[in-house]
Amino acid sequence: MTEIVNMHQAKSSLSRLVERALAGEEILIARNGEPAVKLVPVPKEPKPRVPGRYKGKIWISPDCFDPMSEEELEPVGKMGSLGAASNRQPCLSMVVGGIAAPQPRGP
């Protein structure tokens, strides 16, 4: 819901208007009966990415990106999606809550 308030009203109840705008309501402030400005929340800026955040928490098998054998590709052709019927071991694991479970892939 959009509410139009005059300048005098806005001055005397700015705190309440700000709270309403923060809650998602659209507030227009008018001068001489004509809308002049819109009161909107300032968008929060995302936190910058921190390089190395997962250092030591990710393990990648040395053969992770090696081509798959015909035997490994066969279930993919039948199922239409990788992993649905594949016996291939994961080649990547991540530490979660301080517990890691990297397992080397078998042949």
N, C-alpha and C. Protein backbone atom coordinates (compact mmCIF):
# COMPACT_ATOMS: atom_id res chain seq x y z
N MET A 1 0.84 -1.18 0.00
CA MET A 1 0.00 0.00 0.00
C MET A 1 0.89 1.24 0.00
N THR A 2 0.60 2.17 -0.87
CA THR A 2 1.35 3.42 -0.96
C THR A 2 0.62 4.50 -0.17
N GLU A 3 1.39 5.19 0.66
CA GLU A 3 0.80 6.30 1.40
C GLU A 3 1.53 7.58 1.04
N ILE A 4 0.76 8.63 0.82
CA ILE A 4 1.34 9.94 0.53
C ILE A 4 1.16 10.80 1.77
N VAL A 5 2.28 11.32 2.27
CA VAL A 5 2.21 12.21 3.45
C VAL A 5 2.83 13.55 3.07
N ASN A 6 2.33 14.62 3.69
CA ASN A 6 2.90 15.93 3.37
C ASN A 6 4.18 16.16 4.17
N MET A 7 4.91 17.17 3.79
CA MET A 7 6.21 17.45 4.39
C MET A 7 6.12 17.63 5.90
N HIS A 8 5.13 18.38 6.38
CA HIS A 8 4.98 18.62 7.81
C HIS A 8 4.72 17.31 8.56
N GLN A 9 3.84 16.48 8.01
CA GLN A 9 3.56 15.18 8.62
C GLN A 9 4.83 14.34 8.67
N ALA A 10 5.59 14.36 7.59
CA ALA A 10 6.81 13.56 7.53
C ALA A 10 7.82 14.00 8.58
N LYS A 11 7.95 15.32 8.79
CA LYS A 11 8.87 15.83 9.80
C LYS A 11 8.48 15.37 11.19
N SER A 12 7.21 15.40 11.49
CA SER A 12 6.77 15.08 12.85
C SER A 12 6.68 13.57 13.12
N SER A 13 6.64 12.76 12.07
CA SER A 13 6.53 11.32 12.31
C SER A 13 7.55 10.53 11.49
N LEU A 14 8.74 11.08 11.32
CA LEU A 14 9.76 10.45 10.49
C LEU A 14 10.14 9.05 10.99
N SER A 15 10.32 8.89 12.29
CA SER A 15 10.71 7.57 12.83
C SER A 15 9.70 6.50 12.47
N ARG A 16 8.42 6.80 12.62
CA ARG A 16 7.38 5.82 12.28
C ARG A 16 7.36 5.53 10.78
N LEU A 17 7.54 6.58 9.98
CA LEU A 17 7.55 6.39 8.53
C LEU A 17 8.75 5.53 8.09
N VAL A 18 9.89 5.74 8.71
CA VAL A 18 11.07 4.93 8.40
C VAL A 18 10.81 3.48 8.75
N GLU A 19 10.23 3.22 9.90
CA GLU A 19 9.92 1.84 10.30
C GLU A 19 8.98 1.18 9.29
N ARG A 20 8.00 1.91 8.84
CA ARG A 20 7.05 1.36 7.87
C ARG A 20 7.74 1.09 6.53
N ALA A 21 8.62 1.99 6.12
CA ALA A 21 9.35 1.79 4.87
C ALA A 21 10.26 0.56 4.97
N LEU A 22 10.91 0.40 6.13
CA LEU A 22 11.76 -0.77 6.35
C LEU A 22 10.95 -2.07 6.32
N ALA A 23 9.68 -1.99 6.69
CA ALA A 23 8.80 -3.15 6.68
C ALA A 23 8.27 -3.44 5.28
N GLY A 24 8.62 -2.61 4.30
CA GLY A 24 8.23 -2.86 2.92
C GLY A 24 7.13 -1.96 2.38
N GLU A 25 6.62 -1.08 3.20
CA GLU A 25 5.56 -0.18 2.74
C GLU A 25 6.17 0.95 1.92
N GLU A 26 5.44 1.39 0.90
CA GLU A 26 5.91 2.49 0.07
C GLU A 26 5.38 3.81 0.63
N ILE A 27 6.28 4.72 0.95
CA ILE A 27 5.91 6.01 1.53
C ILE A 27 6.37 7.12 0.57
N LEU A 28 5.43 7.95 0.14
CA LEU A 28 5.75 9.10 -0.70
C LEU A 28 5.58 10.36 0.13
N ILE A 29 6.54 11.26 0.04
CA ILE A 29 6.46 12.54 0.74
C ILE A 29 6.16 13.61 -0.30
N ALA A 30 5.11 14.38 -0.01
CA ALA A 30 4.63 15.37 -0.98
C ALA A 30 4.97 16.78 -0.55
N ARG A 31 5.13 17.63 -1.56
CA ARG A 31 5.32 19.07 -1.33
C ARG A 31 4.22 19.77 -2.12
N ASN A 32 3.43 20.57 -1.41
CA ASN A 32 2.29 21.26 -2.03
C ASN A 32 1.33 20.30 -2.73
N GLY A 33 1.14 19.14 -2.11
CA GLY A 33 0.19 18.16 -2.64
C GLY A 33 0.71 17.29 -3.76
N GLU A 34 1.92 17.53 -4.24
CA GLU A 34 2.51 16.74 -5.31
C GLU A 34 3.61 15.84 -4.74
N PRO A 35 3.58 14.53 -5.03
CA PRO A 35 4.65 13.64 -4.54
C PRO A 35 6.02 14.14 -4.99
N ALA A 36 6.95 14.24 -4.03
CA ALA A 36 8.28 14.77 -4.33
C ALA A 36 9.36 13.70 -4.20
N VAL A 37 9.28 12.90 -3.13
CA VAL A 37 10.31 11.87 -2.90
C VAL A 37 9.64 10.59 -2.38
N LYS A 38 10.37 9.50 -2.56
CA LYS A 38 9.91 8.21 -2.06
C LYS A 38 10.85 7.77 -0.94
N LEU A 39 10.30 7.33 0.17
CA LEU A 39 11.08 6.84 1.30
C LEU A 39 11.25 5.33 1.13
N VAL A 40 12.49 4.90 0.88
CA VAL A 40 12.76 3.48 0.66
C VAL A 40 13.99 3.06 1.48
N PRO A 41 14.05 1.78 1.85
CA PRO A 41 15.24 1.31 2.59
C PRO A 41 16.47 1.28 1.69
N VAL A 42 17.61 1.48 2.29
CA VAL A 42 18.88 1.37 1.57
C VAL A 42 19.20 -0.12 1.49
N PRO A 43 19.47 -0.65 0.28
CA PRO A 43 19.76 -2.09 0.18
C PRO A 43 21.08 -2.42 0.87
N LYS A 44 21.09 -3.57 1.54
CA LYS A 44 22.32 -4.00 2.21
C LYS A 44 23.30 -4.50 1.16
N GLU A 45 24.55 -4.11 1.31
CA GLU A 45 25.57 -4.55 0.37
C GLU A 45 26.05 -5.93 0.78
N PRO A 46 26.26 -6.81 -0.20
CA PRO A 46 26.72 -8.15 0.15
C PRO A 46 28.12 -8.11 0.75
N LYS A 47 28.38 -9.05 1.63
CA LYS A 47 29.72 -9.13 2.21
C LYS A 47 30.70 -9.55 1.14
N PRO A 48 31.90 -8.97 1.14
CA PRO A 48 32.88 -9.34 0.12
C PRO A 48 33.31 -10.80 0.27
N ARG A 49 33.62 -11.41 -0.86
CA ARG A 49 34.08 -12.80 -0.86
C ARG A 49 35.45 -12.85 -0.20
N VAL A 50 35.66 -13.87 0.63
CA VAL A 50 36.94 -14.03 1.31
C VAL A 50 37.68 -15.19 0.67
N PRO A 51 38.73 -14.92 -0.13
CA PRO A 51 39.48 -16.00 -0.75
C PRO A 51 40.12 -16.91 0.30
N GLY A 52 40.16 -18.19 0.01
CA GLY A 52 40.80 -19.14 0.92
C GLY A 52 39.92 -19.59 2.06
N ARG A 53 38.67 -19.25 2.02
CA ARG A 53 37.76 -19.58 3.12
C ARG A 53 37.67 -21.09 3.37
N TYR A 54 37.76 -21.88 2.31
CA TYR A 54 37.65 -23.33 2.46
C TYR A 54 38.99 -24.04 2.30
N LYS A 55 40.09 -23.31 2.43
CA LYS A 55 41.41 -23.91 2.30
C LYS A 55 41.57 -25.01 3.35
N GLY A 56 42.01 -26.16 2.89
CA GLY A 56 42.19 -27.29 3.80
C GLY A 56 40.91 -28.04 4.12
N LYS A 57 39.79 -27.59 3.57
CA LYS A 57 38.51 -28.24 3.85
C LYS A 57 37.96 -28.98 2.63
N ILE A 58 38.62 -28.83 1.49
CA ILE A 58 38.17 -29.48 0.27
C ILE A 58 39.26 -30.43 -0.21
N TRP A 59 38.85 -31.63 -0.57
CA TRP A 59 39.78 -32.62 -1.09
C TRP A 59 39.32 -33.03 -2.47
N ILE A 60 40.25 -33.04 -3.44
CA ILE A 60 39.94 -33.46 -4.80
C ILE A 60 40.88 -34.60 -5.16
N SER A 61 40.30 -35.70 -5.58
CA SER A 61 41.08 -36.86 -5.99
C SER A 61 41.97 -36.48 -7.17
N PRO A 62 43.20 -36.98 -7.22
CA PRO A 62 44.08 -36.65 -8.34
C PRO A 62 43.51 -37.04 -9.70
N ASP A 63 42.68 -38.08 -9.73
CA ASP A 63 42.11 -38.52 -11.01
C ASP A 63 40.66 -38.03 -11.21
N CYS A 64 40.26 -37.03 -10.46
CA CYS A 64 38.89 -36.54 -10.50
C CYS A 64 38.43 -36.13 -11.89
N PHE A 65 39.30 -35.52 -12.65
CA PHE A 65 38.91 -35.00 -13.95
C PHE A 65 39.38 -35.87 -15.12
N ASP A 66 39.82 -37.09 -14.80
CA ASP A 66 40.19 -38.02 -15.85
C ASP A 66 38.95 -38.45 -16.62
N PRO A 67 39.10 -38.78 -17.90
CA PRO A 67 37.94 -39.23 -18.67
C PRO A 67 37.35 -40.50 -18.05
N MET A 68 36.04 -40.64 -18.16
CA MET A 68 35.36 -41.83 -17.64
C MET A 68 35.52 -42.97 -18.64
N SER A 69 35.56 -44.19 -18.12
CA SER A 69 35.67 -45.36 -18.98
C SER A 69 34.32 -45.66 -19.61
N GLU A 70 34.31 -46.52 -20.62
CA GLU A 70 33.06 -46.92 -21.27
C GLU A 70 32.12 -47.57 -20.25
N GLU A 71 32.70 -48.34 -19.35
CA GLU A 71 31.91 -49.02 -18.31
C GLU A 71 31.21 -48.00 -17.40
N GLU A 72 31.92 -46.92 -17.05
CA GLU A 72 31.33 -45.88 -16.21
C GLU A 72 30.29 -45.06 -16.96
N LEU A 73 30.46 -44.90 -18.26
CA LEU A 73 29.53 -44.11 -19.07
C LEU A 73 28.25 -44.85 -19.43
N GLU A 74 28.30 -46.18 -19.41
CA GLU A 74 27.14 -46.97 -19.82
C GLU A 74 25.87 -46.64 -19.03
N PRO A 75 25.90 -46.58 -17.68
CA PRO A 75 24.67 -46.24 -16.95
C PRO A 75 24.17 -44.83 -17.27
N VAL A 76 25.08 -43.94 -17.63
CA VAL A 76 24.67 -42.57 -17.94
C VAL A 76 23.79 -42.57 -19.18
N GLY A 77 24.19 -43.33 -20.18
CA GLY A 77 23.39 -43.42 -21.39
C GLY A 77 22.02 -44.01 -21.14
N LYS A 78 21.94 -44.97 -20.22
CA LYS A 78 20.66 -45.61 -19.91
C LYS A 78 19.76 -44.73 -19.05
N MET A 79 20.33 -44.04 -18.08
CA MET A 79 19.54 -43.26 -17.12
C MET A 79 19.36 -41.81 -17.57
N GLY A 80 20.28 -41.30 -18.35
CA GLY A 80 20.15 -39.93 -18.82
C GLY A 80 20.73 -38.89 -17.88
N SER A 81 21.24 -39.31 -16.73
CA SER A 81 21.86 -38.34 -15.82
C SER A 81 23.02 -38.99 -15.09
N LEU A 82 24.09 -38.25 -14.93
CA LEU A 82 25.29 -38.75 -14.28
C LEU A 82 25.02 -39.06 -12.81
N GLY A 83 25.43 -40.22 -12.39
CA GLY A 83 25.33 -40.55 -10.98
C GLY A 83 24.09 -41.31 -10.59
N ALA A 84 23.05 -41.29 -11.40
CA ALA A 84 21.80 -41.96 -11.03
C ALA A 84 22.01 -43.45 -10.87
N ALA A 85 22.84 -44.04 -11.74
CA ALA A 85 23.07 -45.47 -11.64
C ALA A 85 24.56 -45.79 -11.70
N SER A 86 25.39 -44.80 -11.49
CA SER A 86 26.83 -44.98 -11.60
C SER A 86 27.41 -45.52 -10.31
N ASN A 87 28.42 -46.39 -10.44
CA ASN A 87 29.12 -46.91 -9.27
C ASN A 87 30.39 -46.13 -8.99
N ARG A 88 30.61 -45.06 -9.73
CA ARG A 88 31.83 -44.27 -9.60
C ARG A 88 31.85 -43.60 -8.23
N GLN A 89 32.99 -43.68 -7.57
CA GLN A 89 33.16 -43.07 -6.26
C GLN A 89 33.30 -41.56 -6.42
N PRO A 90 32.86 -40.78 -5.43
CA PRO A 90 33.03 -39.33 -5.52
C PRO A 90 34.51 -38.97 -5.56
N CYS A 91 34.84 -37.95 -6.34
CA CYS A 91 36.23 -37.53 -6.44
C CYS A 91 36.47 -36.22 -5.71
N LEU A 92 35.45 -35.73 -5.03
CA LEU A 92 35.58 -34.46 -4.32
C LEU A 92 34.83 -34.59 -3.00
N SER A 93 35.42 -34.11 -1.93
CA SER A 93 34.68 -34.09 -0.66
C SER A 93 35.05 -32.83 0.09
N MET A 94 34.21 -32.48 1.04
CA MET A 94 34.39 -31.24 1.79
C MET A 94 34.23 -31.51 3.27
N VAL A 95 35.02 -30.84 4.06
CA VAL A 95 34.92 -30.97 5.51
C VAL A 95 33.69 -30.20 5.98
N VAL A 96 32.84 -30.86 6.72
CA VAL A 96 31.66 -30.21 7.27
C VAL A 96 31.67 -30.45 8.77
N GLY A 97 31.65 -29.40 9.53
CA GLY A 97 31.66 -29.55 10.98
C GLY A 97 32.92 -30.19 11.51
N GLY A 98 34.03 -30.03 10.80
CA GLY A 98 35.31 -30.56 11.27
C GLY A 98 35.53 -32.01 10.93
N ILE A 99 34.61 -32.66 10.21
CA ILE A 99 34.74 -34.07 9.87
C ILE A 99 34.90 -34.19 8.36
N ALA A 100 35.97 -34.85 7.93
CA ALA A 100 36.19 -35.04 6.50
C ALA A 100 36.06 -36.50 6.17
N ALA A 101 35.60 -36.79 4.97
CA ALA A 101 35.47 -38.17 4.54
C ALA A 101 35.95 -38.38 3.13
N PRO A 102 37.17 -37.89 2.81
CA PRO A 102 37.64 -38.12 1.45
C PRO A 102 37.97 -39.58 1.26
N GLN A 103 37.50 -40.13 0.17
CA GLN A 103 37.80 -41.53 -0.15
C GLN A 103 38.30 -41.59 -1.57
N PRO A 104 39.47 -42.18 -1.77
CA PRO A 104 39.97 -42.31 -3.14
C PRO A 104 39.03 -43.17 -3.96
N ARG A 105 38.92 -42.83 -5.23
CA ARG A 105 38.07 -43.60 -6.12
C ARG A 105 38.72 -44.93 -6.42
N GLY A 106 37.91 -45.93 -6.53
CA GLY A 106 38.39 -47.24 -6.95
C GLY A 106 38.36 -47.33 -8.46
N PRO A 107 38.97 -48.36 -9.02
CA PRO A 107 38.99 -48.50 -10.48
C PRO A 107 37.62 -48.76 -11.05
